Amino acid sequence: MLYDVIIIGAGPAGISASLYTKRANLSTLILYFEKSSLEQANMIENYYGFENGIDGKSLYEIGIKQAKKLGVEVEKEELLKIEIDIKEGKNVFILTTTKKQYMAKAVIIATGTKKNKVKIKGVKNLEGKGISYCAICDGFFYRNQDVAVIGSGNYALSETNDLINIAKTVTILTNGEKAPEFRAENVNIITKPIEEIKGENKVEEVVFNDNSRLKTSGVFIAQGTAGSTEIAKKLGILLNGDKIVVNDKMETNIKGIYACGDCTGGILQVSTAVSKGTVAALSVIQYLKTQS
């Protein structure tokens, strides 16, 4: 099925956007996986309509129930990547999760903020010098070389798949986590905890806690799940640091892709997330009218 719009994230921005797109009779799907930061809020006392306040978890669950009641499809699936296909001169977006693929005419990224960096000595100093967060973006620079991927989940395996036909060898480094099931002729797995990533002006080796070493030309960070920053980098969406760059219509530089909520920066409050979600939805509605 080709959806009119797929929204990534079920927090205040994503849910608010879905309410408007659905009411505009657009087929709408929400994909979400990780817990929202809203769920961690003990009490919200400065949000309109709740005289005695409300805890974040309750507000989050109410939002999802409200969207479902309106007829929005909501699926809890881990998103691995988004690809762009051009059909009849129009962008169509293919979203791959751990379960299946979905297609949409427009996408709204509303995943909030997520720190995906590992706390390993040497990572910060070698970012851009052999440390990468996007296999599709930077894999070409390591063709026929030995590289490593840090991570143990589905996102790490997806990044590995993007590298196996480019790199000479790929070593999955789980950093002490359980080894994933993955078989390929040029892929190895090391489960030992990482002590440090070393190199003078570029990545040269990974040092483990038992002082053993792995020589490598590049290290790709794929810990946990793909967040807004990783999604944006793979698509070529402009970033300002780790925030997605949007205009006042919540449009990114990719036609048909919008972003709203905490992933775009600014004041990180429920009220502003709701506002940005509304703007993104109204922009999508107008965009799809011009595409029909």
C-alpha atoms as a PDB file:
ATOM      1  CA  MET A   1       0.000   0.000   0.000  1.00  0.00           C
ATOM      2  CA  LEU A   2       1.168   3.520  -0.810  1.00  0.00           C
ATOM      3  CA  TYR A   3       0.364   5.810   2.137  1.00  0.00           C
ATOM      4  CA  ASP A   4      -0.155   9.503   1.677  1.00  0.00           C
ATOM      5  CA  VAL A   5       2.069  10.177   4.676  1.00  0.00           C
ATOM      6  CA  ILE A   6       4.143   8.145   7.109  1.00  0.00           C
ATOM      7  CA  ILE A   7       5.085   9.772  10.406  1.00  0.00           C
ATOM      8  CA  ILE A   8       8.121   8.531  12.306  1.00  0.00           C
ATOM      9  CA  GLY A   9       7.575   9.001  16.023  1.00  0.00           C
ATOM     10  CA  ALA A  10       4.575   8.837  18.353  1.00  0.00           C
ATOM     11  CA  GLY A  11       5.332  11.740  20.660  1.00  0.00           C
ATOM     12  CA  PRO A  12       3.451  15.059  20.810  1.00  0.00           C
ATOM     13  CA  ALA A  13       4.775  16.288  17.433  1.00  0.00           C
ATOM     14  CA  GLY A  14       4.104  13.076  15.530  1.00  0.00           C
ATOM     15  CA  ILE A  15       0.675  12.447  17.047  1.00  0.00           C
ATOM     16  CA  SER A  16      -0.420  16.054  16.512  1.00  0.00           C
ATOM     17  CA  ALA A  17       0.640  15.848  12.872  1.00  0.00           C
ATOM     18  CA  SER A  18      -1.311  12.619  12.402  1.00  0.00           C
ATOM     19  CA  LEU A  19      -4.528  14.142  13.757  1.00  0.00           C
ATOM     20  CA  TYR A  20      -4.446  16.824  11.082  1.00  0.00           C
ATOM     21  CA  THR A  21      -3.416  14.609   8.166  1.00  0.00           C
ATOM     22  CA  LYS A  22      -6.063  12.015   9.016  1.00  0.00           C
ATOM     23  CA  ARG A  23      -8.772  14.651   9.372  1.00  0.00           C
ATOM     24  CA  ALA A  24      -7.742  15.849   5.902  1.00  0.00           C
ATOM     25  CA  ASN A  25      -8.584  12.318   4.696  1.00  0.00           C
ATOM     26  CA  LEU A  26      -4.954  11.374   4.055  1.00  0.00           C
ATOM     27  CA  SER A  27      -3.974   7.749   4.633  1.00  0.00           C
ATOM     28  CA  THR A  28      -1.644   8.054   7.614  1.00  0.00           C
ATOM     29  CA  LEU A  29       0.720   5.598   9.277  1.00  0.00           C
ATOM     30  CA  ILE A  30       2.775   6.216  12.415  1.00  0.00           C
ATOM     31  CA  LEU A  31       5.910   4.141  12.979  1.00  0.00           C
ATOM     32  CA  TYR A  32       7.568   4.238  16.387  1.00  0.00           C
ATOM     33  CA  PHE A  33       9.834   1.980  18.386  1.00  0.00           C
ATOM     34  CA  GLU A  34      11.813   3.439  21.264  1.00  0.00           C
ATOM     35  CA  LYS A  35      10.329   5.051  24.336  1.00  0.00           C
ATOM     36  CA  SER A  36       9.634   8.758  24.120  1.00  0.00           C
ATOM     37  CA  SER A  37      11.392  11.181  26.449  1.00  0.00           C
ATOM     38  CA  LEU A  38       7.885  12.358  27.346  1.00  0.00           C
ATOM     39  CA  GLU A  39       7.320   9.060  29.171  1.00  0.00           C
ATOM     40  CA  GLN A  40      10.131   9.956  31.567  1.00  0.00           C
ATOM     41  CA  ALA A  41       8.463  13.178  32.706  1.00  0.00           C
ATOM     42  CA  ASN A  42       7.150  12.750  36.245  1.00  0.00           C
ATOM     43  CA  MET A  43       4.626  15.603  36.064  1.00  0.00           C
ATOM     44  CA  ILE A  44       3.745  18.232  33.455  1.00  0.00           C
ATOM     45  CA  GLU A  45       2.115  21.227  35.100  1.00  0.00           C
ATOM     46  CA  ASN A  46       2.492  23.922  32.437  1.00  0.00           C
ATOM     47  CA  TYR A  47       0.440  22.442  29.585  1.00  0.00           C
ATOM     48  CA  TYR A  48      -2.922  23.873  28.541  1.00  0.00           C
ATOM     49  CA  GLY A  49      -6.057  21.997  29.627  1.00  0.00           C
ATOM     50  CA  PHE A  50      -4.683  20.005  32.566  1.00  0.00           C
ATOM     51  CA  GLU A  51      -5.557  21.937  35.719  1.00  0.00           C
ATOM     52  CA  ASN A  52      -3.819  19.503  38.041  1.00  0.00           C
ATOM     53  CA  GLY A  53      -1.059  18.523  35.658  1.00  0.00           C
ATOM     54  CA  ILE A  54      -0.479  15.124  34.067  1.00  0.00           C
ATOM     55  CA  ASP A  55       2.403  12.678  34.104  1.00  0.00           C
ATOM     56  CA  GLY A  56       4.296  12.219  30.850  1.00  0.00           C
ATOM     57  CA  LYS A  57       3.533   8.531  30.423  1.00  0.00           C
ATOM     58  CA  SER A  58      -0.209   9.123  30.646  1.00  0.00           C
ATOM     59  CA  LEU A  59      -0.091  12.011  28.185  1.00  0.00           C
ATOM     60  CA  TYR A  60       1.947   9.902  25.771  1.00  0.00           C
ATOM     61  CA  GLU A  61      -0.487   6.972  25.939  1.00  0.00           C
ATOM     62  CA  ILE A  62      -3.517   9.266  25.571  1.00  0.00           C
ATOM     63  CA  GLY A  63      -2.009  10.692  22.401  1.00  0.00           C
ATOM     64  CA  ILE A  64      -1.558   7.285  20.782  1.00  0.00           C
ATOM     65  CA  LYS A  65      -5.088   6.227  21.765  1.00  0.00           C
ATOM     66  CA  GLN A  66      -6.479   9.458  20.315  1.00  0.00           C
ATOM     67  CA  ALA A  67      -4.730   8.870  16.979  1.00  0.00           C
ATOM     68  CA  LYS A  68      -5.934   5.268  16.775  1.00  0.00           C
ATOM     69  CA  LYS A  69      -9.495   6.296  17.620  1.00  0.00           C
ATOM     70  CA  LEU A  70      -9.431   8.705  14.688  1.00  0.00           C
ATOM     71  CA  GLY A  71      -8.307   5.903  12.373  1.00  0.00           C
ATOM     72  CA  VAL A  72      -4.572   6.528  12.179  1.00  0.00           C
ATOM     73  CA  GLU A  73      -2.601   3.316  11.729  1.00  0.00           C
ATOM     74  CA  VAL A  74       0.064   2.943  14.420  1.00  0.00           C
ATOM     75  CA  GLU A  75       2.794   0.291  14.272  1.00  0.00           C
ATOM     76  CA  LYS A  76       5.580  -0.343  16.778  1.00  0.00           C
ATOM     77  CA  GLU A  77       8.439  -1.350  14.498  1.00  0.00           C
ATOM     78  CA  GLU A  78      12.126  -0.474  14.373  1.00  0.00           C
ATOM     79  CA  LEU A  79      12.943   1.683  11.353  1.00  0.00           C
ATOM     80  CA  LEU A  80      16.190   0.740   9.618  1.00  0.00           C
ATOM     81  CA  LYS A  81      16.311   3.120   6.670  1.00  0.00           C
ATOM     82  CA  ILE A  82      14.428   5.336   4.246  1.00  0.00           C
ATOM     83  CA  GLU A  83      15.096   5.295   0.511  1.00  0.00           C
ATOM     84  CA  ILE A  84      13.836   7.546  -2.259  1.00  0.00           C
ATOM     85  CA  ASP A  85      12.364   6.239  -5.501  1.00  0.00           C
ATOM     86  CA  ILE A  86      11.264   8.588  -8.261  1.00  0.00           C
ATOM     87  CA  LYS A  87       8.087   7.619 -10.099  1.00  0.00           C
ATOM     88  CA  GLU A  88       6.611   9.821 -12.807  1.00  0.00           C
ATOM     89  CA  GLY A  89       8.816  12.676 -11.627  1.00  0.00           C
ATOM     90  CA  LYS A  90       7.579  12.471  -8.028  1.00  0.00           C
ATOM     91  CA  ASN A  91       9.400  11.286  -4.911  1.00  0.00           C
ATOM     92  CA  VAL A  92       8.119   8.073  -3.353  1.00  0.00           C
ATOM     93  CA  PHE A  93       9.660   7.044  -0.043  1.00  0.00           C
ATOM     94  CA  ILE A  94      10.396   3.428   0.878  1.00  0.00           C
ATOM     95  CA  LEU A  95      10.685   2.823   4.620  1.00  0.00           C
ATOM     96  CA  THR A  96      12.261  -0.448   5.716  1.00  0.00           C
ATOM     97  CA  THR A  97      11.623  -1.762   9.219  1.00  0.00           C
ATOM     98  CA  THR A  98      12.647  -5.023  10.849  1.00  0.00           C
ATOM     99  CA  LYS A  99       9.299  -6.480   9.770  1.00  0.00           C
ATOM    100  CA  LYS A 100       8.432  -5.114   6.330  1.00  0.00           C
ATOM    101  CA  GLN A 101       8.595  -2.251   3.860  1.00  0.00           C
ATOM    102  CA  TYR A 102       6.189   0.670   3.584  1.00  0.00           C
ATOM    103  CA  MET A 103       5.762   3.296   0.889  1.00  0.00           C
ATOM    104  CA  ALA A 104       4.630   6.903   1.206  1.00  0.00           C
ATOM    105  CA  LYS A 105       4.182  10.045  -0.828  1.00  0.00           C
ATOM    106  CA  ALA A 106       5.439  12.153   2.095  1.00  0.00           C
ATOM    107  CA  VAL A 107       7.310  11.570   5.354  1.00  0.00           C
ATOM    108  CA  ILE A 108       7.309  13.496   8.617  1.00  0.00           C
ATOM    109  CA  ILE A 109      10.266  12.854  10.932  1.00  0.00           C
ATOM    110  CA  ALA A 110       9.197  13.416  14.540  1.00  0.00           C
ATOM    111  CA  THR A 111      11.546  11.160  16.466  1.00  0.00           C
ATOM    112  CA  GLY A 112      12.608  13.584  19.164  1.00  0.00           C
ATOM    113  CA  THR A 113      16.245  13.654  20.237  1.00  0.00           C
ATOM    114  CA  LYS A 114      18.477  10.685  20.861  1.00  0.00           C
ATOM    115  CA  LYS A 115      22.158  10.474  21.659  1.00  0.00           C
ATOM    116  CA  ASN A 116      23.639   7.629  19.653  1.00  0.00           C
ATOM    117  CA  LYS A 117      27.289   8.166  20.507  1.00  0.00           C
ATOM    118  CA  VAL A 118      29.282   5.570  22.374  1.00  0.00           C
ATOM    119  CA  LYS A 119      31.393   6.461  25.386  1.00  0.00           C
ATOM    120  CA  ILE A 120      34.674   5.121  24.072  1.00  0.00           C
ATOM    121  CA  LYS A 121      37.984   6.905  24.362  1.00  0.00           C
ATOM    122  CA  GLY A 122      39.114   8.341  21.034  1.00  0.00           C
ATOM    123  CA  VAL A 123      35.716   8.565  19.367  1.00  0.00           C
ATOM    124  CA  LYS A 124      35.252  12.316  19.781  1.00  0.00           C
ATOM    125  CA  ASN A 125      38.751  13.198  18.555  1.00  0.00           C
ATOM    126  CA  LEU A 126      38.500  10.960  15.490  1.00  0.00           C
ATOM    127  CA  GLU A 127      35.023  11.923  14.297  1.00  0.00           C
ATOM    128  CA  GLY A 128      35.353  12.768  10.613  1.00  0.00           C
ATOM    129  CA  LYS A 129      38.765  11.121  10.593  1.00  0.00           C
ATOM    130  CA  GLY A 130      37.619   7.537  10.252  1.00  0.00           C
ATOM    131  CA  ILE A 131      34.699   7.603  12.701  1.00  0.00           C
ATOM    132  CA  SER A 132      31.382   7.732  10.833  1.00  0.00           C
ATOM    133  CA  TYR A 133      27.691   7.463  11.683  1.00  0.00           C
ATOM    134  CA  CYS A 134      26.404   6.602   8.195  1.00  0.00           C
ATOM    135  CA  ALA A 135      27.470   3.626   6.057  1.00  0.00           C
ATOM    136  CA  ILE A 136      25.577   4.786   2.966  1.00  0.00           C
ATOM    137  CA  CYS A 137      27.104   8.272   3.241  1.00  0.00           C
ATOM    138  CA  ASP A 138      30.734   7.318   3.838  1.00  0.00           C
ATOM    139  CA  GLY A 139      31.110   3.657   2.884  1.00  0.00           C
ATOM    140  CA  PHE A 140      32.452   4.538  -0.580  1.00  0.00           C
ATOM    141  CA  PHE A 141      35.562   6.100   0.992  1.00  0.00           C
ATOM    142  CA  TYR A 142      36.511   2.695   2.438  1.00  0.00           C
ATOM    143  CA  ARG A 143      36.141   0.536  -0.670  1.00  0.00           C
ATOM    144  CA  ASN A 144      38.383  -2.538  -0.517  1.00  0.00           C
ATOM    145  CA  GLN A 145      39.517  -1.605   2.991  1.00  0.00           C
ATOM    146  CA  ASP A 146      38.965  -3.179   6.416  1.00  0.00           C
ATOM    147  CA  VAL A 147      36.269  -1.462   8.482  1.00  0.00           C
ATOM    148  CA  ALA A 148      34.381  -2.055  11.732  1.00  0.00           C
ATOM    149  CA  VAL A 149      30.789  -1.455  12.860  1.00  0.00           C
ATOM    150  CA  ILE A 150      30.061  -0.821  16.552  1.00  0.00           C
ATOM    151  CA  GLY A 151      26.667  -2.173  17.599  1.00  0.00           C
ATOM    152  CA  SER A 152      24.793  -5.407  18.191  1.00  0.00           C
ATOM    153  CA  GLY A 153      21.212  -4.719  17.108  1.00  0.00           C
ATOM    154  CA  ASN A 154      19.248  -4.608  13.878  1.00  0.00           C
ATOM    155  CA  TYR A 155      20.543  -1.141  13.017  1.00  0.00           C
ATOM    156  CA  ALA A 156      24.155  -2.380  13.198  1.00  0.00           C
ATOM    157  CA  LEU A 157      23.289  -5.310  10.926  1.00  0.00           C
ATOM    158  CA  SER A 158      21.640  -2.958   8.437  1.00  0.00           C
ATOM    159  CA  GLU A 159      24.789  -0.795   8.362  1.00  0.00           C
ATOM    160  CA  THR A 160      26.893  -3.936   7.902  1.00  0.00           C
ATOM    161  CA  ASN A 161      24.758  -4.964   4.936  1.00  0.00           C
ATOM    162  CA  ASP A 162      25.433  -1.580   3.344  1.00  0.00           C
ATOM    163  CA  LEU A 163      29.194  -2.151   3.714  1.00  0.00           C
ATOM    164  CA  ILE A 164      29.781  -5.790   2.774  1.00  0.00           C
ATOM    165  CA  ASN A 165      29.825  -5.129  -0.977  1.00  0.00           C
ATOM    166  CA  ILE A 166      32.102  -2.112  -0.590  1.00  0.00           C
ATOM    167  CA  ALA A 167      34.671  -2.936   2.085  1.00  0.00           C
ATOM    168  CA  LYS A 168      37.249  -5.728   1.970  1.00  0.00           C
ATOM    169  CA  THR A 169      36.158  -6.948   5.416  1.00  0.00           C
ATOM    170  CA  VAL A 170      33.640  -5.781   8.008  1.00  0.00           C
ATOM    171  CA  THR A 171      34.061  -6.572  11.700  1.00  0.00           C
ATOM    172  CA  ILE A 172      31.034  -6.145  13.949  1.00  0.00           C
ATOM    173  CA  LEU A 173      32.135  -4.972  17.395  1.00  0.00           C
ATOM    174  CA  THR A 174      29.432  -5.580  20.000  1.00  0.00           C
ATOM    175  CA  ASN A 175      31.396  -3.896  22.805  1.00  0.00           C
ATOM    176  CA  GLY A 176      30.538  -6.589  25.342  1.00  0.00           C
ATOM    177  CA  GLU A 177      27.006  -7.233  24.126  1.00  0.00           C
ATOM    178  CA  LYS A 178      25.748 -10.590  22.843  1.00  0.00           C
ATOM    179  CA  ALA A 179      26.803 -11.397  19.291  1.00  0.00           C
ATOM    180  CA  PRO A 180      24.014 -11.049  16.684  1.00  0.00           C
ATOM    181  CA  GLU A 181      23.303 -13.766  14.155  1.00  0.00           C
ATOM    182  CA  PHE A 182      24.931 -12.710  10.902  1.00  0.00           C
ATOM    183  CA  ARG A 183      26.695 -14.712   8.242  1.00  0.00           C
ATOM    184  CA  ALA A 184      28.705 -13.367   5.345  1.00  0.00           C
ATOM    185  CA  GLU A 185      32.039 -14.380   3.869  1.00  0.00           C
ATOM    186  CA  ASN A 186      33.789 -11.098   4.671  1.00  0.00           C
ATOM    187  CA  VAL A 187      32.130 -10.357   8.049  1.00  0.00           C
ATOM    188  CA  ASN A 188      33.641 -11.133  11.464  1.00  0.00           C
ATOM    189  CA  ILE A 189      32.233 -10.535  14.951  1.00  0.00           C
ATOM    190  CA  ILE A 190      34.151  -9.562  18.090  1.00  0.00           C
ATOM    191  CA  THR A 191      32.245  -9.329  21.376  1.00  0.00           C
ATOM    192  CA  LYS A 192      35.013  -8.033  23.657  1.00  0.00           C
ATOM    193  CA  PRO A 193      34.524  -4.642  25.362  1.00  0.00           C
ATOM    194  CA  ILE A 194      36.300  -1.776  23.610  1.00  0.00           C
ATOM    195  CA  GLU A 195      38.851   0.254  25.542  1.00  0.00           C
ATOM    196  CA  GLU A 196      39.886   2.832  22.946  1.00  0.00           C
ATOM    197  CA  ILE A 197      39.968   3.760  19.269  1.00  0.00           C
ATOM    198  CA  LYS A 198      43.417   4.991  18.323  1.00  0.00           C
ATOM    199  CA  GLY A 199      45.065   6.865  15.481  1.00  0.00           C
ATOM    200  CA  GLU A 200      47.257   9.887  14.857  1.00  0.00           C
ATOM    201  CA  ASN A 201      45.368  11.807  12.170  1.00  0.00           C
ATOM    202  CA  LYS A 202      42.913   9.043  11.277  1.00  0.00           C
ATOM    203  CA  VAL A 203      41.549   5.795  12.701  1.00  0.00           C
ATOM    204  CA  GLU A 204      44.211   3.103  12.779  1.00  0.00           C
ATOM    205  CA  GLU A 205      43.141   0.493  15.331  1.00  0.00           C
ATOM    206  CA  VAL A 206      40.644  -0.554  17.973  1.00  0.00           C
ATOM    207  CA  VAL A 207      42.038  -1.555  21.374  1.00  0.00           C
ATOM    208  CA  PHE A 208      40.019  -3.988  23.500  1.00  0.00           C
ATOM    209  CA  ASN A 209      39.955  -4.351  27.281  1.00  0.00           C
ATOM    210  CA  ASP A 210      42.301  -7.358  27.143  1.00  0.00           C
ATOM    211  CA  ASN A 211      44.813  -5.187  25.201  1.00  0.00           C
ATOM    212  CA  SER A 212      44.231  -7.113  21.956  1.00  0.00           C
ATOM    213  CA  ARG A 213      43.963  -4.913  18.860  1.00  0.00           C
ATOM    214  CA  LEU A 214      42.114  -4.755  15.559  1.00  0.00           C
ATOM    215  CA  LYS A 215      43.676  -2.842  12.672  1.00  0.00           C
ATOM    216  CA  THR A 216      40.989  -0.952  10.748  1.00  0.00           C
ATOM    217  CA  SER A 217      40.654   1.988   8.376  1.00  0.00           C
ATOM    218  CA  GLY A 218      37.250   3.121   9.597  1.00  0.00           C
ATOM    219  CA  VAL A 219      34.707   2.644  12.364  1.00  0.00           C
ATOM    220  CA  PHE A 220      30.961   3.077  11.846  1.00  0.00           C
ATOM    221  CA  ILE A 221      28.889   3.793  14.951  1.00  0.00           C
ATOM    222  CA  ALA A 222      25.551   1.947  14.827  1.00  0.00           C
ATOM    223  CA  GLN A 223      24.679   1.545  18.472  1.00  0.00           C
ATOM    224  CA  GLY A 224      21.028   1.100  19.413  1.00  0.00           C
ATOM    225  CA  THR A 225      18.497   2.238  16.808  1.00  0.00           C
ATOM    226  CA  ALA A 226      18.580   4.780  14.002  1.00  0.00           C
ATOM    227  CA  GLY A 227      17.567   8.216  15.273  1.00  0.00           C
ATOM    228  CA  SER A 228      16.669  11.410  13.433  1.00  0.00           C
ATOM    229  CA  THR A 229      20.326  12.326  12.853  1.00  0.00           C
ATOM    230  CA  GLU A 230      21.150   8.962  11.273  1.00  0.00           C
ATOM    231  CA  ILE A 231      18.016   9.030   9.128  1.00  0.00           C
ATOM    232  CA  ALA A 232      18.801  12.555   7.936  1.00  0.00           C
ATOM    233  CA  LYS A 233      22.415  11.761   7.059  1.00  0.00           C
ATOM    234  CA  LYS A 234      21.440   8.767   4.954  1.00  0.00           C
ATOM    235  CA  LEU A 235      18.963  10.853   2.955  1.00  0.00           C
ATOM    236  CA  GLY A 236      21.171  13.908   2.555  1.00  0.00           C
ATOM    237  CA  ILE A 237      18.957  16.067   4.741  1.00  0.00           C
ATOM    238  CA  LEU A 238      20.705  19.182   6.004  1.00  0.00           C
ATOM    239  CA  LEU A 239      21.723  19.180   9.658  1.00  0.00           C
ATOM    240  CA  ASN A 240      22.883  21.837  12.065  1.00  0.00           C
ATOM    241  CA  GLY A 241      24.884  19.763  14.512  1.00  0.00           C
ATOM    242  CA  ASP A 242      22.502  16.945  15.383  1.00  0.00           C
ATOM    243  CA  LYS A 243      19.332  18.931  14.574  1.00  0.00           C
ATOM    244  CA  ILE A 244      17.400  18.705  11.314  1.00  0.00           C
ATOM    245  CA  VAL A 245      17.278  21.994   9.411  1.00  0.00           C
ATOM    246  CA  VAL A 246      13.750  23.050   8.436  1.00  0.00           C
ATOM    247  CA  ASN A 247      12.070  26.220   7.238  1.00  0.00           C
ATOM    248  CA  ASP A 248       8.975  27.825   8.757  1.00  0.00           C
ATOM    249  CA  LYS A 249       6.813  25.185   7.024  1.00  0.00           C
ATOM    250  CA  MET A 250       8.819  22.357   8.638  1.00  0.00           C
ATOM    251  CA  GLU A 251      10.161  21.432   5.188  1.00  0.00           C
ATOM    252  CA  THR A 252      13.617  19.867   4.882  1.00  0.00           C
ATOM    253  CA  ASN A 253      15.779  20.294   1.804  1.00  0.00           C
ATOM    254  CA  ILE A 254      14.351  17.004   0.427  1.00  0.00           C
ATOM    255  CA  LYS A 255      11.023  17.524  -1.335  1.00  0.00           C
ATOM    256  CA  GLY A 256       8.305  15.559   0.450  1.00  0.00           C
ATOM    257  CA  ILE A 257      10.190  15.130   3.737  1.00  0.00           C
ATOM    258  CA  TYR A 258       9.272  17.234   6.755  1.00  0.00           C
ATOM    259  CA  ALA A 259      10.533  17.277  10.341  1.00  0.00           C
ATOM    260  CA  CYS A 260       9.032  18.574  13.559  1.00  0.00           C
ATOM    261  CA  GLY A 261       9.445  18.448  17.320  1.00  0.00           C
ATOM    262  CA  ASP A 262      12.631  18.152  19.325  1.00  0.00           C
ATOM    263  CA  CYS A 263      14.653  16.779  16.391  1.00  0.00           C
ATOM    264  CA  THR A 264      14.552  20.274  14.863  1.00  0.00           C
ATOM    265  CA  GLY A 265      15.835  22.017  18.003  1.00  0.00           C
ATOM    266  CA  GLY A 266      14.441  25.151  19.607  1.00  0.00           C
ATOM    267  CA  ILE A 267      12.402  25.167  22.820  1.00  0.00           C
ATOM    268  CA  LEU A 268      12.008  21.536  23.882  1.00  0.00           C
ATOM    269  CA  GLN A 269       8.500  21.674  25.327  1.00  0.00           C
ATOM    270  CA  VAL A 270       5.309  19.722  24.650  1.00  0.00           C
ATOM    271  CA  SER A 271       3.553  22.903  23.535  1.00  0.00           C
ATOM    272  CA  THR A 272       6.151  23.701  20.867  1.00  0.00           C
ATOM    273  CA  ALA A 273       6.238  20.067  19.690  1.00  0.00           C
ATOM    274  CA  VAL A 274       2.457  20.131  19.199  1.00  0.00           C
ATOM    275  CA  SER A 275       2.744  23.410  17.291  1.00  0.00           C
ATOM    276  CA  LYS A 276       5.488  22.136  15.001  1.00  0.00           C
ATOM    277  CA  GLY A 277       3.559  18.931  14.364  1.00  0.00           C
ATOM    278  CA  THR A 278       0.536  20.965  13.326  1.00  0.00           C
ATOM    279  CA  VAL A 279       2.574  23.105  10.934  1.00  0.00           C
ATOM    280  CA  ALA A 280       4.239  20.022   9.415  1.00  0.00           C
ATOM    281  CA  ALA A 281       0.866  18.351   8.846  1.00  0.00           C
ATOM    282  CA  LEU A 282      -0.691  21.412   7.206  1.00  0.00           C
ATOM    283  CA  SER A 283       2.368  21.710   4.963  1.00  0.00           C
ATOM    284  CA  VAL A 284       2.081  18.041   3.938  1.00  0.00           C
ATOM    285  CA  ILE A 285      -1.618  18.492   3.164  1.00  0.00           C
ATOM    286  CA  GLN A 286      -0.820  21.428   0.885  1.00  0.00           C
ATOM    287  CA  TYR A 287       2.137  19.597  -0.704  1.00  0.00           C
ATOM    288  CA  LEU A 288       0.063  16.535  -1.591  1.00  0.00           C
ATOM    289  CA  LYS A 289      -2.614  18.736  -3.159  1.00  0.00           C
ATOM    290  CA  THR A 290       0.011  20.042  -5.584  1.00  0.00           C
ATOM    291  CA  GLN A 291       1.127  16.468  -6.382  1.00  0.00           C
ATOM    292  CA  SER A 292      -2.300  15.158  -7.328  1.00  0.00           C
END
